Amino acid sequence: MGALDIEAVTSHYRALAKLVPLKSITRESDYRKAVTALEALLDAGGADERHPLAGLVEALGEVIESYEARAHKLPASTPDEALAFLMQQHGLKQVDLADLAPQSTISAVLAGKRAISKKLATKLAARFGVSTAVFV
């Protein structure tokens, strides 16, 4: 690998940073922008670990998770309890999460009969604007 072209990296980073916040989040408005950007990246296929955006999804997820750990503390609960709580808070039913997973999967998770996969945890975290740690 050749020498790092600092000018090119700087130029590309500035362009990316206008669209995707990759530095520490300190305000709720920046948090909401970061979650919106994460949802767009996930919708574009970034949840697939082989997708070119997967690394960016992971980096942005870590920035969001860091902010949430400081600002959005949820009471200790199991993943299924957290999902049920968040669904209630957002006025959602199982069918409302059909774009994330089959209703049978959501039902099994809520009943404590099935664990939440990493992929589903990522989708749920983006949907509810919380850390994936809530669901694992």
N, C-alpha and C. Protein backbone atom coordinates (compact mmCIF):
# COMPACT_ATOMS: atom_id res chain seq x y z
N MET A 1 0.85 -1.17 0.00
CA MET A 1 0.00 0.00 0.00
C MET A 1 0.89 1.23 0.00
N GLY A 2 0.55 2.23 -0.80
CA GLY A 2 1.33 3.44 -0.93
C GLY A 2 1.09 4.39 0.23
N ALA A 3 1.73 5.54 0.13
CA ALA A 3 1.60 6.57 1.16
C ALA A 3 0.16 7.08 1.20
N LEU A 4 -0.26 7.47 2.36
CA LEU A 4 -1.60 7.98 2.56
C LEU A 4 -1.72 9.38 1.98
N ASP A 5 -2.68 9.59 1.11
CA ASP A 5 -2.92 10.90 0.52
C ASP A 5 -3.80 11.70 1.47
N ILE A 6 -3.17 12.47 2.34
CA ILE A 6 -3.88 13.20 3.40
C ILE A 6 -4.89 14.18 2.80
N GLU A 7 -4.55 14.83 1.72
CA GLU A 7 -5.49 15.79 1.11
C GLU A 7 -6.74 15.08 0.63
N ALA A 8 -6.59 13.94 0.01
CA ALA A 8 -7.75 13.19 -0.48
C ALA A 8 -8.59 12.69 0.69
N VAL A 9 -7.93 12.16 1.72
CA VAL A 9 -8.66 11.68 2.90
C VAL A 9 -9.43 12.82 3.54
N THR A 10 -8.78 13.96 3.70
CA THR A 10 -9.42 15.13 4.32
C THR A 10 -10.63 15.57 3.51
N SER A 11 -10.48 15.63 2.22
CA SER A 11 -11.58 16.04 1.34
C SER A 11 -12.77 15.09 1.45
N HIS A 12 -12.48 13.80 1.39
CA HIS A 12 -13.55 12.81 1.46
C HIS A 12 -14.21 12.80 2.85
N TYR A 13 -13.38 12.95 3.89
CA TYR A 13 -13.94 12.96 5.25
C TYR A 13 -14.87 14.15 5.44
N ARG A 14 -14.46 15.31 4.97
CA ARG A 14 -15.31 16.50 5.10
C ARG A 14 -16.66 16.28 4.40
N ALA A 15 -16.61 15.71 3.21
CA ALA A 15 -17.86 15.45 2.47
C ALA A 15 -18.72 14.44 3.23
N LEU A 16 -18.11 13.38 3.74
CA LEU A 16 -18.86 12.37 4.47
C LEU A 16 -19.42 12.93 5.77
N ALA A 17 -18.63 13.73 6.48
CA ALA A 17 -19.06 14.28 7.77
C ALA A 17 -20.27 15.21 7.64
N LYS A 18 -20.47 15.78 6.47
CA LYS A 18 -21.65 16.62 6.26
C LYS A 18 -22.92 15.77 6.25
N LEU A 19 -22.79 14.51 5.89
CA LEU A 19 -23.93 13.61 5.78
C LEU A 19 -24.07 12.64 6.94
N VAL A 20 -22.94 12.21 7.48
CA VAL A 20 -22.93 11.19 8.53
C VAL A 20 -22.04 11.66 9.67
N PRO A 21 -22.64 11.93 10.83
CA PRO A 21 -21.85 12.41 11.97
C PRO A 21 -21.01 11.28 12.57
N LEU A 22 -19.70 11.43 12.51
CA LEU A 22 -18.82 10.37 13.01
C LEU A 22 -18.01 10.79 14.23
N LYS A 23 -18.28 11.97 14.74
CA LYS A 23 -17.57 12.38 15.96
C LYS A 23 -18.53 12.28 17.14
N SER A 24 -18.01 12.46 18.32
CA SER A 24 -18.81 12.32 19.53
C SER A 24 -20.05 13.21 19.49
N ILE A 25 -21.18 12.64 19.86
CA ILE A 25 -22.45 13.37 19.89
C ILE A 25 -22.61 14.01 21.27
N THR A 26 -22.95 15.30 21.27
CA THR A 26 -23.11 16.00 22.54
C THR A 26 -24.50 16.61 22.72
N ARG A 27 -25.29 16.66 21.64
CA ARG A 27 -26.63 17.27 21.72
C ARG A 27 -27.67 16.30 21.17
N GLU A 28 -28.88 16.42 21.71
CA GLU A 28 -29.98 15.57 21.28
C GLU A 28 -30.27 15.74 19.78
N SER A 29 -30.18 16.96 19.27
CA SER A 29 -30.44 17.19 17.84
C SER A 29 -29.42 16.46 16.97
N ASP A 30 -28.16 16.43 17.39
CA ASP A 30 -27.13 15.68 16.66
C ASP A 30 -27.38 14.18 16.75
N TYR A 31 -27.88 13.75 17.90
CA TYR A 31 -28.23 12.34 18.09
C TYR A 31 -29.32 11.94 17.10
N ARG A 32 -30.37 12.75 16.99
CA ARG A 32 -31.46 12.44 16.07
C ARG A 32 -30.96 12.39 14.63
N LYS A 33 -30.06 13.29 14.25
CA LYS A 33 -29.48 13.28 12.90
C LYS A 33 -28.68 11.99 12.68
N ALA A 34 -27.93 11.59 13.70
CA ALA A 34 -27.13 10.37 13.59
C ALA A 34 -28.02 9.14 13.42
N VAL A 35 -29.10 9.06 14.19
CA VAL A 35 -30.02 7.92 14.09
C VAL A 35 -30.67 7.90 12.71
N THR A 36 -31.05 9.07 12.21
CA THR A 36 -31.65 9.15 10.87
C THR A 36 -30.65 8.67 9.81
N ALA A 37 -29.39 9.08 9.95
CA ALA A 37 -28.35 8.64 9.01
C ALA A 37 -28.15 7.12 9.11
N LEU A 38 -28.15 6.59 10.34
CA LEU A 38 -27.99 5.14 10.52
C LEU A 38 -29.15 4.39 9.87
N GLU A 39 -30.37 4.87 10.05
CA GLU A 39 -31.53 4.21 9.43
C GLU A 39 -31.39 4.19 7.92
N ALA A 40 -30.92 5.30 7.33
CA ALA A 40 -30.75 5.37 5.87
C ALA A 40 -29.67 4.38 5.42
N LEU A 41 -28.59 4.28 6.17
CA LEU A 41 -27.52 3.34 5.82
C LEU A 41 -28.00 1.89 5.93
N LEU A 42 -28.81 1.61 6.96
CA LEU A 42 -29.36 0.26 7.10
C LEU A 42 -30.33 -0.05 5.97
N ASP A 43 -31.15 0.92 5.61
CA ASP A 43 -32.09 0.73 4.50
C ASP A 43 -31.35 0.48 3.18
N ALA A 44 -30.15 1.05 3.06
CA ALA A 44 -29.35 0.88 1.85
C ALA A 44 -28.60 -0.45 1.82
N GLY A 45 -28.75 -1.25 2.88
CA GLY A 45 -28.11 -2.56 2.90
C GLY A 45 -26.97 -2.69 3.87
N GLY A 46 -26.69 -1.65 4.62
CA GLY A 46 -25.56 -1.65 5.54
C GLY A 46 -25.64 -2.63 6.69
N ALA A 47 -26.80 -3.24 6.92
CA ALA A 47 -26.93 -4.24 7.98
C ALA A 47 -26.23 -5.55 7.59
N ASP A 48 -26.05 -5.74 6.28
CA ASP A 48 -25.34 -6.92 5.78
C ASP A 48 -23.84 -6.70 5.97
N GLU A 49 -23.19 -7.57 6.72
CA GLU A 49 -21.78 -7.40 7.03
C GLU A 49 -20.89 -7.39 5.80
N ARG A 50 -21.38 -7.88 4.66
CA ARG A 50 -20.60 -7.89 3.42
C ARG A 50 -20.82 -6.63 2.58
N HIS A 51 -21.77 -5.81 2.97
CA HIS A 51 -22.10 -4.60 2.21
C HIS A 51 -20.98 -3.57 2.39
N PRO A 52 -20.68 -2.78 1.35
CA PRO A 52 -19.63 -1.76 1.46
C PRO A 52 -19.88 -0.73 2.57
N LEU A 53 -21.12 -0.53 2.97
CA LEU A 53 -21.43 0.44 4.02
C LEU A 53 -21.39 -0.15 5.43
N ALA A 54 -21.14 -1.44 5.55
CA ALA A 54 -21.18 -2.10 6.86
C ALA A 54 -20.22 -1.47 7.86
N GLY A 55 -19.04 -1.13 7.45
CA GLY A 55 -18.07 -0.51 8.35
C GLY A 55 -18.54 0.84 8.83
N LEU A 56 -19.16 1.59 7.94
CA LEU A 56 -19.70 2.90 8.31
C LEU A 56 -20.86 2.74 9.28
N VAL A 57 -21.71 1.75 9.05
CA VAL A 57 -22.83 1.45 9.96
C VAL A 57 -22.28 1.13 11.35
N GLU A 58 -21.24 0.31 11.39
CA GLU A 58 -20.65 -0.07 12.68
C GLU A 58 -20.07 1.15 13.40
N ALA A 59 -19.33 1.98 12.67
CA ALA A 59 -18.71 3.16 13.28
C ALA A 59 -19.78 4.13 13.79
N LEU A 60 -20.79 4.39 12.98
CA LEU A 60 -21.85 5.29 13.40
C LEU A 60 -22.63 4.70 14.56
N GLY A 61 -22.86 3.40 14.54
CA GLY A 61 -23.55 2.73 15.64
C GLY A 61 -22.79 2.90 16.95
N GLU A 62 -21.48 2.84 16.90
CA GLU A 62 -20.67 3.02 18.11
C GLU A 62 -20.76 4.45 18.63
N VAL A 63 -20.79 5.43 17.72
CA VAL A 63 -20.94 6.83 18.13
C VAL A 63 -22.29 7.02 18.82
N ILE A 64 -23.34 6.47 18.22
CA ILE A 64 -24.69 6.57 18.78
C ILE A 64 -24.75 5.85 20.13
N GLU A 65 -24.19 4.66 20.19
CA GLU A 65 -24.22 3.88 21.42
C GLU A 65 -23.50 4.62 22.55
N SER A 66 -22.42 5.27 22.25
CA SER A 66 -21.69 6.04 23.26
C SER A 66 -22.55 7.16 23.83
N TYR A 67 -23.26 7.87 22.94
CA TYR A 67 -24.14 8.95 23.40
C TYR A 67 -25.28 8.38 24.25
N GLU A 68 -25.87 7.30 23.79
CA GLU A 68 -27.00 6.70 24.51
C GLU A 68 -26.59 6.23 25.91
N ALA A 69 -25.38 5.71 26.01
CA ALA A 69 -24.91 5.25 27.31
C ALA A 69 -24.84 6.41 28.30
N ARG A 70 -24.57 7.58 27.79
CA ARG A 70 -24.48 8.76 28.65
C ARG A 70 -25.84 9.42 28.85
N ALA A 71 -26.69 9.43 27.84
CA ALA A 71 -27.89 10.26 27.88
C ALA A 71 -29.22 9.51 27.97
N HIS A 72 -29.29 8.31 27.46
CA HIS A 72 -30.56 7.58 27.38
C HIS A 72 -30.49 6.26 28.12
N LYS A 73 -30.43 6.31 29.39
CA LYS A 73 -30.32 5.08 30.17
C LYS A 73 -31.71 4.48 30.37
N LEU A 74 -31.84 3.22 29.98
CA LEU A 74 -33.08 2.47 30.20
C LEU A 74 -32.91 1.62 31.45
N PRO A 75 -33.99 1.35 32.15
CA PRO A 75 -33.88 0.47 33.31
C PRO A 75 -33.41 -0.92 32.87
N ALA A 76 -32.73 -1.61 33.77
CA ALA A 76 -32.25 -2.96 33.46
C ALA A 76 -33.45 -3.85 33.13
N SER A 77 -33.32 -4.59 32.03
CA SER A 77 -34.40 -5.49 31.64
C SER A 77 -33.83 -6.53 30.67
N THR A 78 -34.61 -7.56 30.42
CA THR A 78 -34.24 -8.56 29.43
C THR A 78 -34.56 -7.98 28.04
N PRO A 79 -33.95 -8.53 26.99
CA PRO A 79 -34.23 -8.02 25.64
C PRO A 79 -35.72 -8.05 25.27
N ASP A 80 -36.43 -9.12 25.65
CA ASP A 80 -37.85 -9.19 25.31
C ASP A 80 -38.65 -8.15 26.09
N GLU A 81 -38.27 -7.88 27.35
CA GLU A 81 -38.95 -6.85 28.14
C GLU A 81 -38.69 -5.46 27.55
N ALA A 82 -37.46 -5.25 27.10
CA ALA A 82 -37.11 -3.96 26.50
C ALA A 82 -37.92 -3.73 25.22
N LEU A 83 -38.01 -4.78 24.40
CA LEU A 83 -38.79 -4.66 23.17
C LEU A 83 -40.26 -4.38 23.48
N ALA A 84 -40.83 -5.11 24.42
CA ALA A 84 -42.24 -4.88 24.78
C ALA A 84 -42.44 -3.45 25.30
N PHE A 85 -41.53 -2.98 26.12
CA PHE A 85 -41.62 -1.62 26.66
C PHE A 85 -41.55 -0.58 25.54
N LEU A 86 -40.59 -0.73 24.64
CA LEU A 86 -40.43 0.24 23.56
C LEU A 86 -41.63 0.20 22.60
N MET A 87 -42.15 -0.99 22.34
CA MET A 87 -43.33 -1.09 21.49
C MET A 87 -44.50 -0.36 22.14
N GLN A 88 -44.68 -0.54 23.45
CA GLN A 88 -45.77 0.14 24.16
C GLN A 88 -45.58 1.66 24.10
N GLN A 89 -44.36 2.12 24.35
CA GLN A 89 -44.07 3.55 24.35
C GLN A 89 -44.34 4.19 22.99
N HIS A 90 -44.13 3.42 21.93
CA HIS A 90 -44.33 3.93 20.57
C HIS A 90 -45.70 3.56 20.00
N GLY A 91 -46.52 2.90 20.80
CA GLY A 91 -47.85 2.52 20.35
C GLY A 91 -47.84 1.53 19.20
N LEU A 92 -46.91 0.59 19.23
CA LEU A 92 -46.76 -0.37 18.14
C LEU A 92 -47.27 -1.75 18.52
N LYS A 93 -47.73 -2.48 17.51
CA LYS A 93 -48.12 -3.87 17.66
C LYS A 93 -47.11 -4.71 16.88
N GLN A 94 -47.17 -6.01 17.09
CA GLN A 94 -46.23 -6.90 16.40
C GLN A 94 -46.23 -6.69 14.89
N VAL A 95 -47.40 -6.54 14.33
CA VAL A 95 -47.53 -6.37 12.89
C VAL A 95 -46.83 -5.10 12.40
N ASP A 96 -46.68 -4.12 13.29
CA ASP A 96 -46.02 -2.87 12.91
C ASP A 96 -44.51 -3.04 12.70
N LEU A 97 -43.98 -4.18 13.14
CA LEU A 97 -42.56 -4.45 12.97
C LEU A 97 -42.31 -5.46 11.85
N ALA A 98 -43.32 -5.69 11.03
CA ALA A 98 -43.22 -6.68 9.95
C ALA A 98 -42.13 -6.35 8.94
N ASP A 99 -41.76 -5.08 8.83
CA ASP A 99 -40.70 -4.72 7.90
C ASP A 99 -39.32 -5.10 8.45
N LEU A 100 -39.25 -5.45 9.74
CA LEU A 100 -37.99 -5.84 10.35
C LEU A 100 -37.83 -7.35 10.47
N ALA A 101 -38.95 -8.03 10.76
CA ALA A 101 -38.92 -9.49 10.94
C ALA A 101 -40.35 -10.01 10.84
N PRO A 102 -40.50 -11.30 10.51
CA PRO A 102 -41.85 -11.87 10.48
C PRO A 102 -42.54 -11.75 11.84
N GLN A 103 -43.85 -11.62 11.81
CA GLN A 103 -44.61 -11.47 13.05
C GLN A 103 -44.38 -12.66 13.97
N SER A 104 -44.19 -13.84 13.42
CA SER A 104 -43.95 -15.03 14.26
C SER A 104 -42.64 -14.89 15.04
N THR A 105 -41.65 -14.27 14.42
CA THR A 105 -40.37 -14.04 15.10
C THR A 105 -40.54 -13.05 16.25
N ILE A 106 -41.23 -11.94 15.97
CA ILE A 106 -41.47 -10.93 17.00
C ILE A 106 -42.27 -11.55 18.15
N SER A 107 -43.27 -12.35 17.82
CA SER A 107 -44.09 -13.01 18.83
C SER A 107 -43.24 -13.94 19.71
N ALA A 108 -42.38 -14.72 19.08
CA ALA A 108 -41.52 -15.64 19.83
C ALA A 108 -40.55 -14.88 20.73
N VAL A 109 -40.03 -13.77 20.25
CA VAL A 109 -39.12 -12.95 21.06
C VAL A 109 -39.87 -12.40 22.27
N LEU A 110 -41.05 -11.84 22.04
CA LEU A 110 -41.82 -11.25 23.13
C LEU A 110 -42.25 -12.29 24.17
N ALA A 111 -42.42 -13.52 23.73
CA ALA A 111 -42.81 -14.60 24.64
C ALA A 111 -41.59 -15.20 25.36
N GLY A 112 -40.40 -14.72 25.01
CA GLY A 112 -39.19 -15.24 25.63
C GLY A 112 -38.77 -16.59 25.10
N LYS A 113 -39.32 -17.00 23.94
CA LYS A 113 -39.02 -18.30 23.36
C LYS A 113 -37.90 -18.25 22.33
N ARG A 114 -37.50 -17.02 21.97
CA ARG A 114 -36.49 -16.87 20.94
C ARG A 114 -35.62 -15.66 21.29
N ALA A 115 -34.32 -15.83 21.11
CA ALA A 115 -33.39 -14.71 21.33
C ALA A 115 -33.44 -13.77 20.13
N ILE A 116 -33.02 -12.56 20.32
CA ILE A 116 -32.96 -11.58 19.24
C ILE A 116 -31.61 -11.72 18.55
N SER A 117 -31.64 -11.95 17.24
CA SER A 117 -30.40 -12.08 16.48
C SER A 117 -29.68 -10.73 16.40
N LYS A 118 -28.41 -10.77 16.07
CA LYS A 118 -27.62 -9.54 15.93
C LYS A 118 -28.22 -8.65 14.83
N LYS A 119 -28.63 -9.26 13.74
CA LYS A 119 -29.22 -8.50 12.63
C LYS A 119 -30.52 -7.82 13.06
N LEU A 120 -31.38 -8.56 13.76
CA LEU A 120 -32.64 -7.98 14.22
C LEU A 120 -32.38 -6.92 15.29
N ALA A 121 -31.40 -7.17 16.16
CA ALA A 121 -31.05 -6.18 17.19
C ALA A 121 -30.63 -4.86 16.55
N THR A 122 -29.87 -4.94 15.48
CA THR A 122 -29.43 -3.74 14.76
C THR A 122 -30.62 -2.99 14.18
N LYS A 123 -31.55 -3.73 13.59
CA LYS A 123 -32.74 -3.10 13.01
C LYS A 123 -33.63 -2.49 14.09
N LEU A 124 -33.83 -3.22 15.18
CA LEU A 124 -34.66 -2.70 16.27
C LEU A 124 -34.03 -1.46 16.90
N ALA A 125 -32.72 -1.50 17.08
CA ALA A 125 -32.01 -0.36 17.67
C ALA A 125 -32.19 0.88 16.80
N ALA A 126 -32.08 0.71 15.50
CA ALA A 126 -32.28 1.84 14.60
C ALA A 126 -33.72 2.33 14.63
N ARG A 127 -34.68 1.42 14.67
CA ARG A 127 -36.10 1.78 14.68
C ARG A 127 -36.44 2.60 15.93
N PHE A 128 -35.91 2.16 17.08
CA PHE A 128 -36.28 2.81 18.34
C PHE A 128 -35.27 3.85 18.82
N GLY A 129 -34.16 3.98 18.09
CA GLY A 129 -33.17 4.97 18.47
C GLY A 129 -32.46 4.66 19.77
N VAL A 130 -32.18 3.36 19.97
CA VAL A 130 -31.46 2.93 21.18
C VAL A 130 -30.26 2.10 20.76
N SER A 131 -29.44 1.77 21.71
CA SER A 131 -28.26 0.93 21.47
C SER A 131 -28.67 -0.50 21.18
N THR A 132 -27.90 -1.18 20.35
CA THR A 132 -28.16 -2.60 20.10
C THR A 132 -27.99 -3.40 21.39
N ALA A 133 -27.23 -2.89 22.33
CA ALA A 133 -27.02 -3.58 23.61
C ALA A 133 -28.34 -3.82 24.35
N VAL A 134 -29.34 -3.02 24.09
CA VAL A 134 -30.66 -3.18 24.72
C VAL A 134 -31.27 -4.53 24.35
N PHE A 135 -30.92 -5.05 23.17
CA PHE A 135 -31.57 -6.24 22.64
C PHE A 135 -30.70 -7.49 22.66
N VAL A 136 -29.54 -7.41 23.26
CA VAL A 136 -28.67 -8.62 23.29
C VAL A 136 -28.36 -9.01 24.71
